[in-house]
Amino acid sequence: MKVQPIKAHRQEQVCLDGAIGARIRILIGPDDGARNFHMRHFELEPGGCTPHHQHNYEHEVLVWEGTGIAKSEQGDRPIKRGDVLYIAPNEKHQFCNTGEKPCEFICLIPAPCDCAR
């Protein structure tokens, strides 16, 4: 069993085109032997965003801290601490921080992890 605080995991810049002020931590992933799901922690600085992108797998998101907007093909939706999101496979999406403090979210994806940074 692994028990570690979020901050004990190495944080890296998200280096995909379109990412602004976005950082990632792999909380549970290949190094842990996780074969079914991987868990990631994202932190967006004020004004930051993930790239506008899509991928062939679903993922689930829990907004941990802050406020922002989840952009999708259905339009922009405000998000805040405690909100839970489901993003279907191949749905274009983007997360943007609209607040004055960091916006943090936990993201679950199926393994194997492309864990794009």
N, C-alpha and C. Protein backbone atom coordinates (compact mmCIF):
# COMPACT_ATOMS: atom_id res chain seq x y z
N MET A 1 0.84 -1.18 0.00
CA MET A 1 0.00 0.00 0.00
C MET A 1 0.89 1.24 0.00
N LYS A 2 0.50 2.21 -0.79
CA LYS A 2 1.22 3.47 -0.85
C LYS A 2 0.39 4.54 -0.14
N VAL A 3 1.03 5.27 0.75
CA VAL A 3 0.39 6.41 1.42
C VAL A 3 1.40 7.55 1.40
N GLN A 4 1.08 8.60 0.66
CA GLN A 4 1.97 9.76 0.56
C GLN A 4 1.14 11.02 0.36
N PRO A 5 1.60 12.14 0.88
CA PRO A 5 0.91 13.40 0.59
C PRO A 5 1.10 13.80 -0.88
N ILE A 6 0.15 14.55 -1.40
CA ILE A 6 0.24 15.04 -2.78
C ILE A 6 1.57 15.74 -3.02
N LYS A 7 1.96 16.60 -2.09
CA LYS A 7 3.17 17.41 -2.28
C LYS A 7 4.46 16.59 -2.26
N ALA A 8 4.39 15.32 -1.86
CA ALA A 8 5.58 14.46 -1.87
C ALA A 8 5.93 13.99 -3.29
N HIS A 9 5.03 14.19 -4.24
CA HIS A 9 5.24 13.76 -5.62
C HIS A 9 5.86 14.89 -6.43
N ARG A 10 6.79 14.53 -7.29
CA ARG A 10 7.48 15.53 -8.14
C ARG A 10 6.48 16.25 -9.04
N GLN A 11 6.59 17.56 -9.09
CA GLN A 11 5.73 18.37 -9.94
C GLN A 11 6.51 18.82 -11.16
N GLU A 12 5.88 18.74 -12.33
CA GLU A 12 6.53 19.14 -13.58
C GLU A 12 5.61 20.05 -14.38
N GLN A 13 6.21 20.87 -15.23
CA GLN A 13 5.44 21.71 -16.14
C GLN A 13 4.72 20.82 -17.15
N VAL A 14 3.51 21.21 -17.52
CA VAL A 14 2.83 20.57 -18.66
C VAL A 14 3.39 21.24 -19.90
N CYS A 15 4.02 20.45 -20.76
CA CYS A 15 4.76 20.99 -21.89
C CYS A 15 4.05 20.80 -23.23
N LEU A 16 2.75 20.61 -23.22
CA LEU A 16 1.99 20.45 -24.46
C LEU A 16 1.65 21.82 -25.04
N ASP A 17 1.55 21.91 -26.36
CA ASP A 17 1.18 23.16 -27.00
C ASP A 17 -0.16 23.65 -26.46
N GLY A 18 -0.21 24.91 -26.09
CA GLY A 18 -1.44 25.50 -25.58
C GLY A 18 -1.53 25.53 -24.07
N ALA A 19 -0.65 24.82 -23.38
CA ALA A 19 -0.66 24.84 -21.91
C ALA A 19 0.00 26.12 -21.43
N ILE A 20 -0.64 26.77 -20.47
CA ILE A 20 -0.11 28.00 -19.89
C ILE A 20 -0.19 27.86 -18.37
N GLY A 21 0.92 27.98 -17.69
CA GLY A 21 0.92 27.95 -16.24
C GLY A 21 0.31 26.70 -15.65
N ALA A 22 0.55 25.56 -16.28
CA ALA A 22 -0.03 24.29 -15.83
C ALA A 22 1.08 23.35 -15.39
N ARG A 23 0.87 22.72 -14.22
CA ARG A 23 1.83 21.76 -13.69
C ARG A 23 1.11 20.46 -13.34
N ILE A 24 1.86 19.35 -13.38
CA ILE A 24 1.28 18.03 -13.15
C ILE A 24 2.13 17.25 -12.16
N ARG A 25 1.46 16.42 -11.38
CA ARG A 25 2.09 15.41 -10.53
C ARG A 25 1.44 14.07 -10.86
N ILE A 26 2.23 13.04 -11.07
CA ILE A 26 1.69 11.69 -11.23
C ILE A 26 1.59 11.11 -9.83
N LEU A 27 0.38 10.97 -9.31
CA LEU A 27 0.18 10.49 -7.94
C LEU A 27 0.23 8.98 -7.88
N ILE A 28 -0.43 8.32 -8.80
CA ILE A 28 -0.40 6.86 -8.93
C ILE A 28 -0.21 6.58 -10.42
N GLY A 29 0.81 5.81 -10.75
CA GLY A 29 1.09 5.57 -12.16
C GLY A 29 1.91 4.32 -12.37
N PRO A 30 2.60 4.28 -13.50
CA PRO A 30 3.38 3.09 -13.86
C PRO A 30 4.43 2.72 -12.82
N ASP A 31 5.05 3.70 -12.20
CA ASP A 31 6.09 3.41 -11.20
C ASP A 31 5.53 2.72 -9.96
N ASP A 32 4.22 2.83 -9.76
CA ASP A 32 3.57 2.19 -8.61
C ASP A 32 3.00 0.82 -8.96
N GLY A 33 3.12 0.43 -10.22
CA GLY A 33 2.57 -0.85 -10.66
C GLY A 33 1.08 -0.80 -10.93
N ALA A 34 0.50 0.40 -11.01
CA ALA A 34 -0.93 0.54 -11.27
C ALA A 34 -1.22 0.10 -12.71
N ARG A 35 -2.02 -0.94 -12.86
CA ARG A 35 -2.28 -1.51 -14.18
C ARG A 35 -3.63 -1.12 -14.77
N ASN A 36 -4.53 -0.56 -13.96
CA ASN A 36 -5.86 -0.25 -14.46
C ASN A 36 -6.17 1.23 -14.57
N PHE A 37 -5.75 2.00 -13.56
CA PHE A 37 -6.02 3.43 -13.53
C PHE A 37 -4.79 4.19 -13.09
N HIS A 38 -4.69 5.43 -13.52
CA HIS A 38 -3.63 6.32 -13.07
C HIS A 38 -4.26 7.60 -12.57
N MET A 39 -3.67 8.16 -11.53
CA MET A 39 -4.19 9.36 -10.89
C MET A 39 -3.16 10.48 -11.03
N ARG A 40 -3.66 11.65 -11.46
CA ARG A 40 -2.78 12.79 -11.65
C ARG A 40 -3.34 14.00 -10.90
N HIS A 41 -2.45 14.89 -10.51
CA HIS A 41 -2.83 16.14 -9.85
C HIS A 41 -2.35 17.28 -10.75
N PHE A 42 -3.25 18.15 -11.12
CA PHE A 42 -2.91 19.32 -11.93
C PHE A 42 -3.06 20.58 -11.09
N GLU A 43 -2.20 21.53 -11.33
CA GLU A 43 -2.29 22.84 -10.69
C GLU A 43 -2.15 23.90 -11.78
N LEU A 44 -3.15 24.77 -11.84
CA LEU A 44 -3.15 25.87 -12.81
C LEU A 44 -2.96 27.18 -12.05
N GLU A 45 -1.96 27.95 -12.44
CA GLU A 45 -1.78 29.25 -11.81
C GLU A 45 -2.89 30.19 -12.28
N PRO A 46 -3.13 31.30 -11.58
CA PRO A 46 -4.15 32.23 -12.05
C PRO A 46 -3.91 32.62 -13.51
N GLY A 47 -4.95 32.51 -14.31
CA GLY A 47 -4.83 32.78 -15.75
C GLY A 47 -4.31 31.60 -16.54
N GLY A 48 -3.94 30.51 -15.88
CA GLY A 48 -3.38 29.35 -16.55
C GLY A 48 -4.45 28.44 -17.13
N CYS A 49 -4.01 27.55 -18.03
CA CYS A 49 -4.95 26.60 -18.63
C CYS A 49 -4.20 25.37 -19.16
N THR A 50 -4.94 24.30 -19.28
CA THR A 50 -4.44 23.12 -19.96
C THR A 50 -4.62 23.35 -21.46
N PRO A 51 -4.00 22.53 -22.30
CA PRO A 51 -4.24 22.67 -23.73
C PRO A 51 -5.68 22.30 -24.06
N HIS A 52 -6.19 22.85 -25.15
CA HIS A 52 -7.50 22.43 -25.66
C HIS A 52 -7.20 21.16 -26.46
N HIS A 53 -7.71 20.01 -25.98
CA HIS A 53 -7.29 18.74 -26.55
C HIS A 53 -8.38 17.68 -26.43
N GLN A 54 -8.11 16.54 -27.00
CA GLN A 54 -8.97 15.37 -26.87
C GLN A 54 -8.10 14.13 -26.92
N HIS A 55 -8.64 13.03 -26.40
CA HIS A 55 -7.93 11.75 -26.44
C HIS A 55 -8.97 10.64 -26.46
N ASN A 56 -8.52 9.44 -26.75
CA ASN A 56 -9.47 8.34 -27.00
C ASN A 56 -9.91 7.62 -25.72
N TYR A 57 -9.68 8.20 -24.57
CA TYR A 57 -10.10 7.58 -23.32
C TYR A 57 -10.91 8.58 -22.49
N GLU A 58 -11.79 8.03 -21.66
CA GLU A 58 -12.53 8.87 -20.71
C GLU A 58 -11.62 9.27 -19.56
N HIS A 59 -12.01 10.30 -18.86
CA HIS A 59 -11.40 10.55 -17.57
C HIS A 59 -12.35 11.28 -16.65
N GLU A 60 -12.06 11.14 -15.37
CA GLU A 60 -12.87 11.71 -14.33
C GLU A 60 -12.03 12.72 -13.56
N VAL A 61 -12.67 13.82 -13.17
CA VAL A 61 -11.94 14.93 -12.55
C VAL A 61 -12.66 15.36 -11.28
N LEU A 62 -11.89 15.62 -10.24
CA LEU A 62 -12.39 16.21 -9.01
C LEU A 62 -11.66 17.54 -8.81
N VAL A 63 -12.41 18.63 -8.76
CA VAL A 63 -11.80 19.93 -8.50
C VAL A 63 -11.47 20.00 -7.02
N TRP A 64 -10.18 20.12 -6.73
CA TRP A 64 -9.66 20.05 -5.37
C TRP A 64 -9.65 21.42 -4.70
N GLU A 65 -9.24 22.44 -5.45
CA GLU A 65 -9.15 23.81 -4.94
C GLU A 65 -9.41 24.79 -6.07
N GLY A 66 -9.92 25.96 -5.72
CA GLY A 66 -10.02 27.05 -6.67
C GLY A 66 -11.26 27.05 -7.53
N THR A 67 -11.20 27.92 -8.55
CA THR A 67 -12.32 28.09 -9.48
C THR A 67 -11.78 28.17 -10.90
N GLY A 68 -12.65 27.92 -11.84
CA GLY A 68 -12.23 27.99 -13.23
C GLY A 68 -13.38 27.73 -14.17
N ILE A 69 -12.99 27.42 -15.39
CA ILE A 69 -13.95 27.09 -16.45
C ILE A 69 -13.49 25.79 -17.10
N ALA A 70 -14.44 24.89 -17.31
CA ALA A 70 -14.21 23.69 -18.11
C ALA A 70 -14.83 23.97 -19.48
N LYS A 71 -13.99 24.01 -20.50
CA LYS A 71 -14.46 24.27 -21.86
C LYS A 71 -14.67 22.93 -22.56
N SER A 72 -15.79 22.82 -23.28
CA SER A 72 -16.07 21.60 -24.03
C SER A 72 -16.87 21.96 -25.27
N GLU A 73 -17.17 20.95 -26.05
CA GLU A 73 -17.97 21.17 -27.26
C GLU A 73 -19.38 21.63 -26.92
N GLN A 74 -19.82 21.40 -25.68
CA GLN A 74 -21.15 21.84 -25.25
C GLN A 74 -21.13 23.26 -24.68
N GLY A 75 -19.97 23.89 -24.63
CA GLY A 75 -19.85 25.24 -24.10
C GLY A 75 -19.01 25.28 -22.83
N ASP A 76 -18.86 26.47 -22.29
CA ASP A 76 -18.07 26.68 -21.08
C ASP A 76 -18.94 26.44 -19.85
N ARG A 77 -18.36 25.78 -18.86
CA ARG A 77 -19.06 25.51 -17.60
C ARG A 77 -18.18 25.97 -16.46
N PRO A 78 -18.72 26.75 -15.52
CA PRO A 78 -17.91 27.13 -14.36
C PRO A 78 -17.64 25.91 -13.48
N ILE A 79 -16.45 25.87 -12.90
CA ILE A 79 -16.10 24.78 -11.98
C ILE A 79 -15.54 25.39 -10.69
N LYS A 80 -15.72 24.65 -9.59
CA LYS A 80 -15.24 25.12 -8.29
C LYS A 80 -14.91 23.92 -7.43
N ARG A 81 -14.26 24.20 -6.31
CA ARG A 81 -13.88 23.16 -5.36
C ARG A 81 -15.07 22.24 -5.06
N GLY A 82 -14.81 20.93 -5.14
CA GLY A 82 -15.84 19.94 -4.85
C GLY A 82 -16.62 19.47 -6.06
N ASP A 83 -16.47 20.13 -7.21
CA ASP A 83 -17.17 19.69 -8.42
C ASP A 83 -16.51 18.44 -8.99
N VAL A 84 -17.33 17.58 -9.58
CA VAL A 84 -16.87 16.34 -10.21
C VAL A 84 -17.27 16.40 -11.68
N LEU A 85 -16.32 16.05 -12.56
CA LEU A 85 -16.57 16.10 -14.00
C LEU A 85 -16.28 14.75 -14.63
N TYR A 86 -17.04 14.43 -15.66
CA TYR A 86 -16.78 13.27 -16.51
C TYR A 86 -16.54 13.78 -17.91
N ILE A 87 -15.41 13.40 -18.51
CA ILE A 87 -15.09 13.78 -19.88
C ILE A 87 -15.07 12.49 -20.69
N ALA A 88 -15.96 12.42 -21.67
CA ALA A 88 -16.10 11.22 -22.49
C ALA A 88 -14.92 11.09 -23.46
N PRO A 89 -14.66 9.88 -23.95
CA PRO A 89 -13.60 9.69 -24.93
C PRO A 89 -13.83 10.60 -26.15
N ASN A 90 -12.75 11.17 -26.65
CA ASN A 90 -12.72 12.02 -27.84
C ASN A 90 -13.46 13.34 -27.70
N GLU A 91 -13.88 13.71 -26.49
CA GLU A 91 -14.51 15.01 -26.27
C GLU A 91 -13.42 16.07 -26.11
N LYS A 92 -13.46 17.10 -26.94
CA LYS A 92 -12.48 18.18 -26.80
C LYS A 92 -12.78 18.94 -25.51
N HIS A 93 -11.71 19.26 -24.77
CA HIS A 93 -11.89 19.92 -23.49
C HIS A 93 -10.65 20.71 -23.10
N GLN A 94 -10.85 21.61 -22.17
CA GLN A 94 -9.77 22.45 -21.64
C GLN A 94 -10.21 22.97 -20.28
N PHE A 95 -9.26 23.11 -19.36
CA PHE A 95 -9.53 23.67 -18.05
C PHE A 95 -8.75 24.97 -17.92
N CYS A 96 -9.42 26.03 -17.48
CA CYS A 96 -8.79 27.34 -17.31
C CYS A 96 -9.09 27.88 -15.91
N ASN A 97 -8.08 28.48 -15.30
CA ASN A 97 -8.22 29.07 -13.98
C ASN A 97 -8.71 30.51 -14.14
N THR A 98 -9.86 30.81 -13.57
CA THR A 98 -10.41 32.16 -13.63
C THR A 98 -10.28 32.89 -12.29
N GLY A 99 -9.70 32.23 -11.31
CA GLY A 99 -9.60 32.80 -9.97
C GLY A 99 -8.28 33.50 -9.73
N GLU A 100 -8.13 33.98 -8.51
CA GLU A 100 -6.92 34.69 -8.10
C GLU A 100 -5.93 33.79 -7.38
N LYS A 101 -6.34 32.55 -7.12
CA LYS A 101 -5.48 31.56 -6.46
C LYS A 101 -5.33 30.37 -7.39
N PRO A 102 -4.37 29.46 -7.12
CA PRO A 102 -4.24 28.28 -7.98
C PRO A 102 -5.54 27.46 -8.01
N CYS A 103 -5.79 26.87 -9.15
CA CYS A 103 -6.90 25.92 -9.33
C CYS A 103 -6.25 24.55 -9.43
N GLU A 104 -6.69 23.63 -8.56
CA GLU A 104 -6.11 22.30 -8.52
C GLU A 104 -7.19 21.27 -8.78
N PHE A 105 -6.83 20.23 -9.54
CA PHE A 105 -7.78 19.14 -9.74
C PHE A 105 -7.07 17.81 -9.83
N ILE A 106 -7.80 16.77 -9.44
CA ILE A 106 -7.33 15.39 -9.51
C ILE A 106 -8.00 14.77 -10.74
N CYS A 107 -7.21 14.05 -11.52
CA CYS A 107 -7.70 13.46 -12.76
C CYS A 107 -7.37 11.97 -12.77
N LEU A 108 -8.38 11.16 -13.05
CA LEU A 108 -8.20 9.70 -13.19
C LEU A 108 -8.33 9.32 -14.65
N ILE A 109 -7.38 8.50 -15.12
CA ILE A 109 -7.41 8.02 -16.50
C ILE A 109 -7.12 6.52 -16.51
N PRO A 110 -7.54 5.84 -17.57
CA PRO A 110 -7.21 4.41 -17.66
C PRO A 110 -5.72 4.23 -17.97
N ALA A 111 -5.18 3.13 -17.51
CA ALA A 111 -3.79 2.77 -17.83
C ALA A 111 -3.80 2.05 -19.18
N PRO A 112 -2.73 1.98 -19.93
CA PRO A 112 -1.45 2.61 -19.57
C PRO A 112 -1.52 4.11 -19.75
N CYS A 113 -0.79 4.80 -18.93
CA CYS A 113 -0.83 6.26 -18.86
C CYS A 113 0.05 6.88 -19.94
N ASP A 114 -0.54 7.77 -20.75
CA ASP A 114 0.31 8.56 -21.64
C ASP A 114 0.90 9.71 -20.83
N CYS A 115 0.26 10.01 -19.69
CA CYS A 115 0.74 10.99 -18.71
C CYS A 115 1.42 12.19 -19.36
N ALA A 116 0.78 12.72 -20.40
CA ALA A 116 1.36 13.81 -21.16
C ALA A 116 1.76 14.97 -20.27
N ARG A 117 2.97 15.40 -20.44
CA ARG A 117 3.50 16.52 -19.66
C ARG A 117 3.82 17.63 -20.61
